[in-house]
């Protein structure tokens, strides 16, 4: 996850999260880790700006599970597919009230988070 100041849409702080499911095909946040992160973000006036994970066997498009877990209407949901050994698919979406909208992605070199 990448957090940033509330309402800014600016990624500032990278927060690595472990896959509690320990599965190559399913991702789940540990509920205690997630609660601690949200308390920390609240204390810092932050919110999730980017929520990301990989799809190892399918395209970089939100699954039904991804859509059902998407609870941050201001977040960019970034998916990376590694299903093809010779290419990586990188896409970003907004997911609001179950509706998935793809947004353009621009890859920028030498970008520093928080600037």
PDB file of N, CA and C in Angstrom:
ATOM      1  N   UNK A   1       0.848  -1.162   0.000  1.00  0.00           N
ATOM      2  CA  UNK A   1       0.000   0.000   0.000  1.00  0.00           C
ATOM      3  C   UNK A   1       0.901   1.233   0.000  1.00  0.00           C
ATOM      4  N   UNK A   2       0.389   2.329  -0.559  1.00  0.00           N
ATOM      5  CA  UNK A   2       1.095   3.604  -0.500  1.00  0.00           C
ATOM      6  C   UNK A   2       0.120   4.617   0.088  1.00  0.00           C
ATOM      7  N   UNK A   3       0.526   5.253   1.168  1.00  0.00           N
ATOM      8  CA  UNK A   3      -0.316   6.224   1.864  1.00  0.00           C
ATOM      9  C   UNK A   3       0.090   7.637   1.475  1.00  0.00           C
ATOM     10  N   UNK A   4      -0.844   8.558   1.673  1.00  0.00           N
ATOM     11  CA  UNK A   4      -0.564   9.962   1.416  1.00  0.00           C
ATOM     12  C   UNK A   4      -1.514  10.831   2.211  1.00  0.00           C
ATOM     13  N   UNK A   5      -1.262  12.141   2.241  1.00  0.00           N
ATOM     14  CA  UNK A   5      -2.137  13.041   2.987  1.00  0.00           C
ATOM     15  C   UNK A   5      -3.589  12.940   2.510  1.00  0.00           C
ATOM     16  N   UNK A   6      -4.526  12.969   3.448  1.00  0.00           N
ATOM     17  CA  UNK A   6      -5.946  12.857   3.129  1.00  0.00           C
ATOM     18  C   UNK A   6      -6.324  13.911   2.087  1.00  0.00           C
ATOM     19  N   UNK A   7      -6.996  13.456   1.038  1.00  0.00           N
ATOM     20  CA  UNK A   7      -7.504  14.352   0.007  1.00  0.00           C
ATOM     21  C   UNK A   7      -6.490  14.848  -0.996  1.00  0.00           C
ATOM     22  N   UNK A   8      -5.231  14.447  -0.876  1.00  0.00           N
ATOM     23  CA  UNK A   8      -4.183  14.996  -1.749  1.00  0.00           C
ATOM     24  C   UNK A   8      -3.989  14.191  -3.036  1.00  0.00           C
ATOM     25  N   UNK A   9      -4.352  12.906  -3.029  1.00  0.00           N
ATOM     26  CA  UNK A   9      -4.089  11.990  -4.145  1.00  0.00           C
ATOM     27  C   UNK A   9      -2.594  11.931  -4.450  1.00  0.00           C
ATOM     28  N   UNK A  10      -1.785  12.136  -3.409  1.00  0.00           N
ATOM     29  CA  UNK A  10      -0.326  12.162  -3.579  1.00  0.00           C
ATOM     30  C   UNK A  10       0.310  11.016  -2.801  1.00  0.00           C
ATOM     31  N   UNK A  11       0.969  10.079  -3.513  1.00  0.00           N
ATOM     32  CA  UNK A  11       1.628   8.966  -2.817  1.00  0.00           C
ATOM     33  C   UNK A  11       2.884   9.449  -2.101  1.00  0.00           C
ATOM     34  N   UNK A  12       2.970   9.211  -0.803  1.00  0.00           N
ATOM     35  CA  UNK A  12       4.098   9.710  -0.017  1.00  0.00           C
ATOM     36  C   UNK A  12       4.839   8.592   0.725  1.00  0.00           C
ATOM     37  N   UNK A  13       4.076   7.679   1.317  1.00  0.00           N
ATOM     38  CA  UNK A  13       4.710   6.707   2.201  1.00  0.00           C
ATOM     39  C   UNK A  13       4.379   5.275   1.769  1.00  0.00           C
ATOM     40  N   UNK A  14       5.422   4.530   1.395  1.00  0.00           N
ATOM     41  CA  UNK A  14       5.287   3.123   1.018  1.00  0.00           C
ATOM     42  C   UNK A  14       5.146   2.289   2.278  1.00  0.00           C
ATOM     43  N   UNK A  15       4.133   1.426   2.315  1.00  0.00           N
ATOM     44  CA  UNK A  15       3.883   0.568   3.467  1.00  0.00           C
ATOM     45  C   UNK A  15       3.785  -0.879   2.977  1.00  0.00           C
ATOM     46  N   UNK A  16       4.865  -1.653   3.113  1.00  0.00           N
ATOM     47  CA  UNK A  16       4.792  -3.053   2.673  1.00  0.00           C
ATOM     48  C   UNK A  16       3.859  -3.849   3.581  1.00  0.00           C
ATOM     49  N   UNK A  17       3.081  -4.714   2.966  1.00  0.00           N
ATOM     50  CA  UNK A  17       2.146  -5.557   3.711  1.00  0.00           C
ATOM     51  C   UNK A  17       2.395  -7.012   3.316  1.00  0.00           C
ATOM     52  N   UNK A  18       2.333  -7.916   4.283  1.00  0.00           N
ATOM     53  CA  UNK A  18       2.500  -9.337   4.012  1.00  0.00           C
ATOM     54  C   UNK A  18       1.189  -9.944   3.535  1.00  0.00           C
ATOM     55  N   UNK A  19       1.287 -10.962   2.705  1.00  0.00           N
ATOM     56  CA  UNK A  19       0.125 -11.704   2.270  1.00  0.00           C
ATOM     57  C   UNK A  19      -0.224 -12.727   3.347  1.00  0.00           C
ATOM     58  N   UNK A  20      -1.249 -12.450   4.106  1.00  0.00           N
ATOM     59  CA  UNK A  20      -1.646 -13.345   5.196  1.00  0.00           C
ATOM     60  C   UNK A  20      -2.142 -14.687   4.665  1.00  0.00           C
ATOM     61  N   UNK A  21      -2.601 -14.719   3.417  1.00  0.00           N
ATOM     62  CA  UNK A  21      -3.089 -15.964   2.825  1.00  0.00           C
ATOM     63  C   UNK A  21      -1.942 -16.892   2.428  1.00  0.00           C
ATOM     64  N   UNK A  22      -0.747 -16.332   2.306  1.00  0.00           N
ATOM     65  CA  UNK A  22       0.439 -17.118   1.910  1.00  0.00           C
ATOM     66  C   UNK A  22       0.158 -17.974   0.674  1.00  0.00           C
ATOM     67  N   UNK A  23      -0.468 -17.340  -0.305  1.00  0.00           N
ATOM     68  CA  UNK A  23      -0.873 -18.047  -1.517  1.00  0.00           C
ATOM     69  C   UNK A  23      -0.348 -17.303  -2.732  1.00  0.00           C
ATOM     70  N   UNK A  24       0.062 -18.023  -3.777  1.00  0.00           N
ATOM     71  CA  UNK A  24       0.484 -17.356  -5.000  1.00  0.00           C
ATOM     72  C   UNK A  24      -0.696 -16.880  -5.854  1.00  0.00           C
ATOM     73  N   UNK A  25      -1.924 -17.296  -5.500  1.00  0.00           N
ATOM     74  CA  UNK A  25      -3.085 -16.931  -6.311  1.00  0.00           C
ATOM     75  C   UNK A  25      -4.157 -16.148  -5.549  1.00  0.00           C
ATOM     76  N   UNK A  26      -3.934 -15.878  -4.269  1.00  0.00           N
ATOM     77  CA  UNK A  26      -4.925 -15.134  -3.481  1.00  0.00           C
ATOM     78  C   UNK A  26      -4.191 -14.237  -2.500  1.00  0.00           C
ATOM     79  N   UNK A  27      -4.647 -12.987  -2.404  1.00  0.00           N
ATOM     80  CA  UNK A  27      -4.016 -12.036  -1.493  1.00  0.00           C
ATOM     81  C   UNK A  27      -5.013 -11.614  -0.426  1.00  0.00           C
ATOM     82  N   UNK A  28      -4.521 -11.545   0.800  1.00  0.00           N
ATOM     83  CA  UNK A  28      -5.364 -11.092   1.906  1.00  0.00           C
ATOM     84  C   UNK A  28      -4.491 -10.375   2.929  1.00  0.00           C
ATOM     85  N   UNK A  29      -4.942  -9.200   3.369  1.00  0.00           N
ATOM     86  CA  UNK A  29      -4.238  -8.487   4.428  1.00  0.00           C
ATOM     87  C   UNK A  29      -4.488  -9.190   5.748  1.00  0.00           C
ATOM     88  N   UNK A  30      -3.502  -9.203   6.621  1.00  0.00           N
ATOM     89  CA  UNK A  30      -3.691  -9.663   7.988  1.00  0.00           C
ATOM     90  C   UNK A  30      -4.531  -8.607   8.701  1.00  0.00           C
ATOM     91  N   UNK A  31      -5.613  -9.009   9.347  1.00  0.00           N
ATOM     92  CA  UNK A  31      -6.537  -8.037   9.943  1.00  0.00           C
ATOM     93  C   UNK A  31      -5.870  -7.199  11.030  1.00  0.00           C
ATOM     94  N   UNK A  32      -4.972  -7.773  11.812  1.00  0.00           N
ATOM     95  CA  UNK A  32      -4.279  -7.010  12.856  1.00  0.00           C
ATOM     96  C   UNK A  32      -3.321  -5.989  12.223  1.00  0.00           C
ATOM     97  N   UNK A  33      -2.603  -6.397  11.175  1.00  0.00           N
ATOM     98  CA  UNK A  33      -1.705  -5.467  10.471  1.00  0.00           C
ATOM     99  C   UNK A  33      -2.498  -4.328   9.846  1.00  0.00           C
ATOM    100  N   UNK A  34      -3.635  -4.671   9.241  1.00  0.00           N
ATOM    101  CA  UNK A  34      -4.456  -3.652   8.591  1.00  0.00           C
ATOM    102  C   UNK A  34      -5.028  -2.670   9.602  1.00  0.00           C
ATOM    103  N   UNK A  35      -5.481  -3.169  10.748  1.00  0.00           N
ATOM    104  CA  UNK A  35      -5.997  -2.291  11.798  1.00  0.00           C
ATOM    105  C   UNK A  35      -4.899  -1.353  12.293  1.00  0.00           C
ATOM    106  N   UNK A  36      -3.711  -1.886  12.524  1.00  0.00           N
ATOM    107  CA  UNK A  36      -2.587  -1.048  12.977  1.00  0.00           C
ATOM    108  C   UNK A  36      -2.240   0.007  11.929  1.00  0.00           C
ATOM    109  N   UNK A  37      -2.264  -0.372  10.652  1.00  0.00           N
ATOM    110  CA  UNK A  37      -1.969   0.584   9.585  1.00  0.00           C
ATOM    111  C   UNK A  37      -3.000   1.700   9.543  1.00  0.00           C
ATOM    112  N   UNK A  38      -4.275   1.360   9.649  1.00  0.00           N
ATOM    113  CA  UNK A  38      -5.319   2.393   9.606  1.00  0.00           C
ATOM    114  C   UNK A  38      -5.245   3.327  10.815  1.00  0.00           C
ATOM    115  N   UNK A  39      -4.899   2.797  11.973  1.00  0.00           N
ATOM    116  CA  UNK A  39      -4.708   3.657  13.152  1.00  0.00           C
ATOM    117  C   UNK A  39      -3.540   4.616  12.917  1.00  0.00           C
ATOM    118  N   UNK A  40      -2.461   4.093  12.330  1.00  0.00           N
ATOM    119  CA  UNK A  40      -1.286   4.919  12.038  1.00  0.00           C
ATOM    120  C   UNK A  40      -1.619   5.991  10.992  1.00  0.00           C
ATOM    121  N   UNK A  41      -2.347   5.598   9.953  1.00  0.00           N
ATOM    122  CA  UNK A  41      -2.728   6.576   8.933  1.00  0.00           C
ATOM    123  C   UNK A  41      -3.642   7.646   9.519  1.00  0.00           C
ATOM    124  N   UNK A  42      -4.594   7.246  10.367  1.00  0.00           N
ATOM    125  CA  UNK A  42      -5.480   8.229  11.014  1.00  0.00           C
ATOM    126  C   UNK A  42      -4.678   9.219  11.845  1.00  0.00           C
ATOM    127  N   UNK A  43      -3.703   8.723  12.591  1.00  0.00           N
ATOM    128  CA  UNK A  43      -2.870   9.592  13.433  1.00  0.00           C
ATOM    129  C   UNK A  43      -2.035  10.557  12.596  1.00  0.00           C
ATOM    130  N   UNK A  44      -1.702  10.154  11.367  1.00  0.00           N
ATOM    131  CA  UNK A  44      -0.886  10.993  10.482  1.00  0.00           C
ATOM    132  C   UNK A  44      -1.708  11.758   9.453  1.00  0.00           C
ATOM    133  N   UNK A  45      -3.034  11.750   9.593  1.00  0.00           N
ATOM    134  CA  UNK A  45      -3.929  12.374   8.605  1.00  0.00           C
ATOM    135  C   UNK A  45      -3.630  11.867   7.196  1.00  0.00           C
ATOM    136  N   UNK A  46      -3.511  10.548   7.075  1.00  0.00           N
ATOM    137  CA  UNK A  46      -3.232   9.905   5.795  1.00  0.00           C
ATOM    138  C   UNK A  46      -4.395   8.996   5.400  1.00  0.00           C
ATOM    139  N   UNK A  47      -4.360   8.616   4.125  1.00  0.00           N
ATOM    140  CA  UNK A  47      -5.298   7.633   3.605  1.00  0.00           C
ATOM    141  C   UNK A  47      -4.578   6.797   2.552  1.00  0.00           C
ATOM    142  N   UNK A  48      -5.122   5.636   2.196  1.00  0.00           N
ATOM    143  CA  UNK A  48      -4.511   4.850   1.125  1.00  0.00           C
ATOM    144  C   UNK A  48      -4.650   5.588  -0.209  1.00  0.00           C
ATOM    145  N   UNK A  49      -3.550   5.797  -0.880  1.00  0.00           N
ATOM    146  CA  UNK A  49      -3.563   6.428  -2.201  1.00  0.00           C
ATOM    147  C   UNK A  49      -3.438   5.349  -3.275  1.00  0.00           C
ATOM    148  N   UNK A  50      -2.608   4.349  -3.022  1.00  0.00           N
ATOM    149  CA  UNK A  50      -2.436   3.233  -3.948  1.00  0.00           C
ATOM    150  C   UNK A  50      -2.542   1.925  -3.169  1.00  0.00           C
ATOM    151  N   UNK A  51      -3.387   1.039  -3.665  1.00  0.00           N
ATOM    152  CA  UNK A  51      -3.477  -0.320  -3.140  1.00  0.00           C
ATOM    153  C   UNK A  51      -3.103  -1.216  -4.310  1.00  0.00           C
ATOM    154  N   UNK A  52      -2.075  -2.029  -4.139  1.00  0.00           N
ATOM    155  CA  UNK A  52      -1.613  -2.816  -5.287  1.00  0.00           C
ATOM    156  C   UNK A  52      -1.326  -4.253  -4.900  1.00  0.00           C
ATOM    157  N   UNK A  53      -1.375  -5.104  -5.901  1.00  0.00           N
ATOM    158  CA  UNK A  53      -0.955  -6.498  -5.753  1.00  0.00           C
ATOM    159  C   UNK A  53      -0.762  -7.084  -7.147  1.00  0.00           C
ATOM    160  N   UNK A  54      -0.271  -8.295  -7.185  1.00  0.00           N
ATOM    161  CA  UNK A  54      -0.029  -8.942  -8.478  1.00  0.00           C
ATOM    162  C   UNK A  54      -1.036 -10.054  -8.720  1.00  0.00           C
ATOM    163  N   UNK A  55      -1.237 -10.316 -10.004  1.00  0.00           N
ATOM    164  CA  UNK A  55      -1.974 -11.494 -10.444  1.00  0.00           C
ATOM    165  C   UNK A  55      -0.959 -12.367 -11.159  1.00  0.00           C
ATOM    166  N   UNK A  56      -0.721 -13.544 -10.638  1.00  0.00           N
ATOM    167  CA  UNK A  56       0.317 -14.405 -11.198  1.00  0.00           C
ATOM    168  C   UNK A  56      -0.188 -15.290 -12.330  1.00  0.00           C
ATOM    169  N   UNK A  57      -1.499 -15.487 -12.415  1.00  0.00           N
ATOM    170  CA  UNK A  57      -2.028 -16.398 -13.428  1.00  0.00           C
ATOM    171  C   UNK A  57      -3.092 -15.784 -14.328  1.00  0.00           C
ATOM    172  N   UNK A  58      -3.485 -14.558 -14.037  1.00  0.00           N
ATOM    173  CA  UNK A  58      -4.543 -13.914 -14.817  1.00  0.00           C
ATOM    174  C   UNK A  58      -4.116 -12.509 -15.216  1.00  0.00           C
ATOM    175  N   UNK A  59      -4.944 -11.878 -16.052  1.00  0.00           N
ATOM    176  CA  UNK A  59      -4.628 -10.526 -16.512  1.00  0.00           C
ATOM    177  C   UNK A  59      -4.677  -9.527 -15.354  1.00  0.00           C
ATOM    178  N   UNK A  60      -4.113  -8.360 -15.590  1.00  0.00           N
ATOM    179  CA  UNK A  60      -4.116  -7.297 -14.585  1.00  0.00           C
ATOM    180  C   UNK A  60      -5.454  -6.559 -14.658  1.00  0.00           C
ATOM    181  N   UNK A  61      -6.475  -7.218 -14.159  1.00  0.00           N
ATOM    182  CA  UNK A  61      -7.820  -6.652 -14.098  1.00  0.00           C
ATOM    183  C   UNK A  61      -8.443  -7.136 -12.792  1.00  0.00           C
ATOM    184  N   UNK A  62      -9.183  -6.260 -12.086  1.00  0.00           N
ATOM    185  CA  UNK A  62      -9.735  -6.651 -10.785  1.00  0.00           C
ATOM    186  C   UNK A  62     -10.654  -7.873 -10.875  1.00  0.00           C
ATOM    187  N   UNK A  63     -10.376  -8.845 -10.034  1.00  0.00           N
ATOM    188  CA  UNK A  63     -11.235 -10.026  -9.927  1.00  0.00           C
ATOM    189  C   UNK A  63     -12.483  -9.657  -9.124  1.00  0.00           C
ATOM    190  N   UNK A  64     -13.434 -10.571  -9.087  1.00  0.00           N
ATOM    191  CA  UNK A  64     -14.626 -10.333  -8.259  1.00  0.00           C
ATOM    192  C   UNK A  64     -14.225 -10.135  -6.807  1.00  0.00           C
ATOM    193  N   UNK A  65     -13.219 -10.901  -6.346  1.00  0.00           N
ATOM    194  CA  UNK A  65     -12.741 -10.749  -4.971  1.00  0.00           C
ATOM    195  C   UNK A  65     -12.122  -9.370  -4.776  1.00  0.00           C
ATOM    196  N   UNK A  66     -11.298  -8.924  -5.734  1.00  0.00           N
ATOM    197  CA  UNK A  66     -10.699  -7.591  -5.646  1.00  0.00           C
ATOM    198  C   UNK A  66     -11.779  -6.526  -5.514  1.00  0.00           C
ATOM    199  N   UNK A  67     -12.808  -6.636  -6.328  1.00  0.00           N
ATOM    200  CA  UNK A  67     -13.889  -5.646  -6.320  1.00  0.00           C
ATOM    201  C   UNK A  67     -14.634  -5.694  -4.993  1.00  0.00           C
ATOM    202  N   UNK A  68     -14.881  -6.882  -4.477  1.00  0.00           N
ATOM    203  CA  UNK A  68     -15.622  -6.986  -3.212  1.00  0.00           C
ATOM    204  C   UNK A  68     -14.816  -6.455  -2.029  1.00  0.00           C
ATOM    205  N   UNK A  69     -13.475  -6.543  -2.099  1.00  0.00           N
ATOM    206  CA  UNK A  69     -12.620  -6.042  -1.020  1.00  0.00           C
ATOM    207  C   UNK A  69     -12.285  -4.552  -1.157  1.00  0.00           C
ATOM    208  N   UNK A  70     -12.555  -3.970  -2.309  1.00  0.00           N
ATOM    209  CA  UNK A  70     -12.192  -2.562  -2.556  1.00  0.00           C
ATOM    210  C   UNK A  70     -13.073  -1.648  -1.716  1.00  0.00           C
ATOM    211  N   UNK A  71     -12.484  -1.050  -0.697  1.00  0.00           N
ATOM    212  CA  UNK A  71     -13.271  -0.225   0.226  1.00  0.00           C
ATOM    213  C   UNK A  71     -12.777   1.215   0.300  1.00  0.00           C
ATOM    214  N   UNK A  72     -11.847   1.570  -0.570  1.00  0.00           N
ATOM    215  CA  UNK A  72     -11.264   2.913  -0.549  1.00  0.00           C
ATOM    216  C   UNK A  72     -11.609   3.649  -1.847  1.00  0.00           C
ATOM    217  N   UNK A  73     -12.677   4.445  -1.859  1.00  0.00           N
ATOM    218  CA  UNK A  73     -13.104   5.091  -3.105  1.00  0.00           C
ATOM    219  C   UNK A  73     -12.091   6.094  -3.670  1.00  0.00           C
ATOM    220  N   UNK A  74     -11.184   6.590  -2.847  1.00  0.00           N
ATOM    221  CA  UNK A  74     -10.189   7.550  -3.338  1.00  0.00           C
ATOM    222  C   UNK A  74      -8.896   6.881  -3.799  1.00  0.00           C
ATOM    223  N   UNK A  75      -8.774   5.580  -3.595  1.00  0.00           N
ATOM    224  CA  UNK A  75      -7.524   4.883  -3.904  1.00  0.00           C
ATOM    225  C   UNK A  75      -7.443   4.488  -5.374  1.00  0.00           C
ATOM    226  N   UNK A  76      -6.201   4.396  -5.831  1.00  0.00           N
ATOM    227  CA  UNK A  76      -5.897   3.811  -7.135  1.00  0.00           C
ATOM    228  C   UNK A  76      -5.573   2.348  -6.857  1.00  0.00           C
ATOM    229  N   UNK A  77      -6.280   1.453  -7.510  1.00  0.00           N
ATOM    230  CA  UNK A  77      -6.025   0.025  -7.354  1.00  0.00           C
ATOM    231  C   UNK A  77      -5.141  -0.415  -8.515  1.00  0.00           C
ATOM    232  N   UNK A  78      -3.894  -0.698  -8.221  1.00  0.00           N
ATOM    233  CA  UNK A  78      -2.909  -1.035  -9.237  1.00  0.00           C
ATOM    234  C   UNK A  78      -2.698  -2.545  -9.240  1.00  0.00           C
ATOM    235  N   UNK A  79      -2.776  -3.121 -10.431  1.00  0.00           N
ATOM    236  CA  UNK A  79      -2.579  -4.558 -10.585  1.00  0.00           C
ATOM    237  C   UNK A  79      -1.452  -4.813 -11.565  1.00  0.00           C
ATOM    238  N   UNK A  80      -0.610  -5.757 -11.203  1.00  0.00           N
ATOM    239  CA  UNK A  80       0.501  -6.178 -12.053  1.00  0.00           C
ATOM    240  C   UNK A  80       0.301  -7.652 -12.350  1.00  0.00           C
ATOM    241  N   UNK A  81       0.274  -7.993 -13.633  1.00  0.00           N
ATOM    242  CA  UNK A  81       0.166  -9.395 -14.011  1.00  0.00           C
ATOM    243  C   UNK A  81       1.524  -9.911 -14.444  1.00  0.00           C
ATOM    244  N   UNK A  82       1.889 -11.050 -13.870  1.00  0.00           N
ATOM    245  CA  UNK A  82       3.150 -11.701 -14.229  1.00  0.00           C
ATOM    246  C   UNK A  82       2.877 -13.043 -14.902  1.00  0.00           C
ATOM    247  N   UNK A  83       1.693 -13.195 -15.471  1.00  0.00           N
ATOM    248  CA  UNK A  83       1.310 -14.488 -16.058  1.00  0.00           C
ATOM    249  C   UNK A  83       2.150 -14.864 -17.268  1.00  0.00           C
ATOM    250  N   UNK A  84       2.601 -13.881 -18.041  1.00  0.00           N
ATOM    251  CA  UNK A  84       3.437 -14.162 -19.211  1.00  0.00           C
ATOM    252  C   UNK A  84       4.899 -14.019 -18.810  1.00  0.00           C
ATOM    253  N   UNK A  85       5.723 -15.018 -19.075  1.00  0.00           N
ATOM    254  CA  UNK A  85       7.118 -14.973 -18.627  1.00  0.00           C
ATOM    255  C   UNK A  85       7.949 -13.867 -19.278  1.00  0.00           C
ATOM    256  N   UNK A  86       7.527 -13.377 -20.437  1.00  0.00           N
ATOM    257  CA  UNK A  86       8.338 -12.387 -21.150  1.00  0.00           C
ATOM    258  C   UNK A  86       7.770 -10.973 -21.121  1.00  0.00           C
ATOM    259  N   UNK A  87       6.671 -10.759 -20.382  1.00  0.00           N
ATOM    260  CA  UNK A  87       6.125  -9.411 -20.282  1.00  0.00           C
ATOM    261  C   UNK A  87       5.367  -9.238 -18.966  1.00  0.00           C
ATOM    262  N   UNK A  88       5.303  -8.003 -18.527  1.00  0.00           N
ATOM    263  CA  UNK A  88       4.565  -7.668 -17.308  1.00  0.00           C
ATOM    264  C   UNK A  88       3.478  -6.674 -17.677  1.00  0.00           C
ATOM    265  N   UNK A  89       2.279  -6.939 -17.222  1.00  0.00           N
ATOM    266  CA  UNK A  89       1.143  -6.055 -17.485  1.00  0.00           C
ATOM    267  C   UNK A  89       0.890  -5.222 -16.238  1.00  0.00           C
ATOM    268  N   UNK A  90       0.790  -3.899 -16.388  1.00  0.00           N
ATOM    269  CA  UNK A  90       0.653  -2.959 -15.268  1.00  0.00           C
ATOM    270  C   UNK A  90      -0.533  -2.051 -15.564  1.00  0.00           C
ATOM    271  N   UNK A  91      -1.588  -2.119 -14.733  1.00  0.00           N
ATOM    272  CA  UNK A  91      -2.792  -1.314 -14.974  1.00  0.00           C
ATOM    273  C   UNK A  91      -3.304  -0.740 -13.653  1.00  0.00           C
ATOM    274  N   UNK A  92      -4.041   0.361 -13.773  1.00  0.00           N
ATOM    275  CA  UNK A  92      -4.587   1.019 -12.586  1.00  0.00           C
ATOM    276  C   UNK A  92      -6.088   1.254 -12.773  1.00  0.00           C
ATOM    277  N   UNK A  93      -6.810   1.143 -11.650  1.00  0.00           N
ATOM    278  CA  UNK A  93      -8.267   1.254 -11.678  1.00  0.00           C
ATOM    279  C   UNK A  93      -8.764   2.054 -10.479  1.00  0.00           C
ATOM    280  N   UNK A  94      -9.919   2.642 -10.651  1.00  0.00           N
ATOM    281  CA  UNK A  94     -10.702   3.142  -9.520  1.00  0.00           C
ATOM    282  C   UNK A  94     -11.818   2.134  -9.349  1.00  0.00           C
ATOM    283  N   UNK A  95     -12.113   1.794  -8.114  1.00  0.00           N
ATOM    284  CA  UNK A  95     -13.210   0.871  -7.826  1.00  0.00           C
ATOM    285  C   UNK A  95     -14.094   1.547  -6.784  1.00  0.00           C
ATOM    286  N   UNK A  96     -15.281   1.963  -7.219  1.00  0.00           N
ATOM    287  CA  UNK A  96     -16.200   2.679  -6.337  1.00  0.00           C
ATOM    288  C   UNK A  96     -17.568   2.005  -6.418  1.00  0.00           C
ATOM    289  N   UNK A  97     -18.071   1.587  -5.281  1.00  0.00           N
ATOM    290  CA  UNK A  97     -19.382   0.945  -5.185  1.00  0.00           C
ATOM    291  C   UNK A  97     -19.518  -0.202  -6.183  1.00  0.00           C
ATOM    292  N   UNK A  98     -18.459  -0.985  -6.322  1.00  0.00           N
ATOM    293  CA  UNK A  98     -18.487  -2.142  -7.197  1.00  0.00           C
ATOM    294  C   UNK A  98     -18.260  -1.847  -8.660  1.00  0.00           C
ATOM    295  N   UNK A  99     -18.124  -0.584  -9.042  1.00  0.00           N
ATOM    296  CA  UNK A  99     -17.895  -0.215 -10.437  1.00  0.00           C
ATOM    297  C   UNK A  99     -16.400  -0.012 -10.684  1.00  0.00           C
ATOM    298  N   UNK A 100     -15.889  -0.692 -11.693  1.00  0.00           N
ATOM    299  CA  UNK A 100     -14.470  -0.652 -12.032  1.00  0.00           C
ATOM    300  C   UNK A 100     -14.259   0.279 -13.216  1.00  0.00           C
ATOM    301  N   UNK A 101     -13.358   1.251 -13.040  1.00  0.00           N
ATOM    302  CA  UNK A 101     -13.017   2.181 -14.115  1.00  0.00           C
ATOM    303  C   UNK A 101     -11.508   2.192 -14.270  1.00  0.00           C
ATOM    304  N   UNK A 102     -11.036   1.839 -15.466  1.00  0.00           N
ATOM    305  CA  UNK A 102      -9.596   1.867 -15.704  1.00  0.00           C
ATOM    306  C   UNK A 102      -9.142   3.307 -15.878  1.00  0.00           C
ATOM    307  N   UNK A 103      -7.942   3.592 -15.405  1.00  0.00           N
ATOM    308  CA  UNK A 103      -7.358   4.921 -15.565  1.00  0.00           C
ATOM    309  C   UNK A 103      -6.009   4.794 -16.251  1.00  0.00           C
ATOM    310  N   UNK A 104      -5.598   5.823 -16.974  1.00  0.00           N
ATOM    311  CA  UNK A 104      -4.312   5.734 -17.685  1.00  0.00           C
ATOM    312  C   UNK A 104      -3.141   5.669 -16.713  1.00  0.00           C
ATOM    313  N   UNK A 105      -2.091   4.981 -17.154  1.00  0.00           N
ATOM    314  CA  UNK A 105      -0.867   4.858 -16.372  1.00  0.00           C
ATOM    315  C   UNK A 105       0.277   5.410 -17.198  1.00  0.00           C
ATOM    316  N   UNK A 106       1.076   6.252 -16.577  1.00  0.00           N
ATOM    317  CA  UNK A 106       2.269   6.785 -17.222  1.00  0.00           C
ATOM    318  C   UNK A 106       3.470   6.339 -16.409  1.00  0.00           C
ATOM    319  N   UNK A 107       4.390   5.631 -17.043  1.00  0.00           N
ATOM    320  CA  UNK A 107       5.596   5.178 -16.367  1.00  0.00           C
ATOM    321  C   UNK A 107       6.621   6.302 -16.460  1.00  0.00           C
ATOM    322  N   UNK A 108       7.104   6.734 -15.308  1.00  0.00           N
ATOM    323  CA  UNK A 108       8.052   7.845 -15.232  1.00  0.00           C
ATOM    324  C   UNK A 108       9.332   7.338 -14.593  1.00  0.00           C
ATOM    325  N   UNK A 109      10.448   7.579 -15.230  1.00  0.00           N
ATOM    326  CA  UNK A 109      11.740   7.157 -14.662  1.00  0.00           C
ATOM    327  C   UNK A 109      12.235   8.185 -13.658  1.00  0.00           C
ATOM    328  N   UNK A 110      13.019   7.711 -12.699  1.00  0.00           N
ATOM    329  CA  UNK A 110      13.647   8.575 -11.690  1.00  0.00           C
ATOM    330  C   UNK A 110      12.624   9.368 -10.899  1.00  0.00           C
ATOM    331  N   UNK A 111      11.507   8.748 -10.558  1.00  0.00           N
ATOM    332  CA  UNK A 111      10.473   9.395  -9.771  1.00  0.00           C
ATOM    333  C   UNK A 111      10.735   9.130  -8.300  1.00  0.00           C
ATOM    334  N   UNK A 112      10.638  10.161  -7.479  1.00  0.00           N
ATOM    335  CA  UNK A 112      10.787  10.010  -6.035  1.00  0.00           C
ATOM    336  C   UNK A 112       9.449  10.187  -5.380  1.00  0.00           C
ATOM    337  N   UNK A 113       9.044   9.219  -4.560  1.00  0.00           N
ATOM    338  CA  UNK A 113       7.767   9.300  -3.862  1.00  0.00           C
ATOM    339  C   UNK A 113       7.768  10.528  -2.962  1.00  0.00           C
ATOM    340  N   UNK A 114       6.640  11.245  -2.975  1.00  0.00           N
ATOM    341  CA  UNK A 114       6.490  12.388  -2.088  1.00  0.00           C
ATOM    342  C   UNK A 114       6.864  13.715  -2.720  1.00  0.00           C
ATOM    343  N   UNK A 115       7.315  13.713  -3.939  1.00  0.00           N
ATOM    344  CA  UNK A 115       7.664  14.980  -4.602  1.00  0.00           C
ATOM    345  C   UNK A 115       6.582  15.453  -5.499  1.00  0.00           C
TER     346      UNK A 115
END
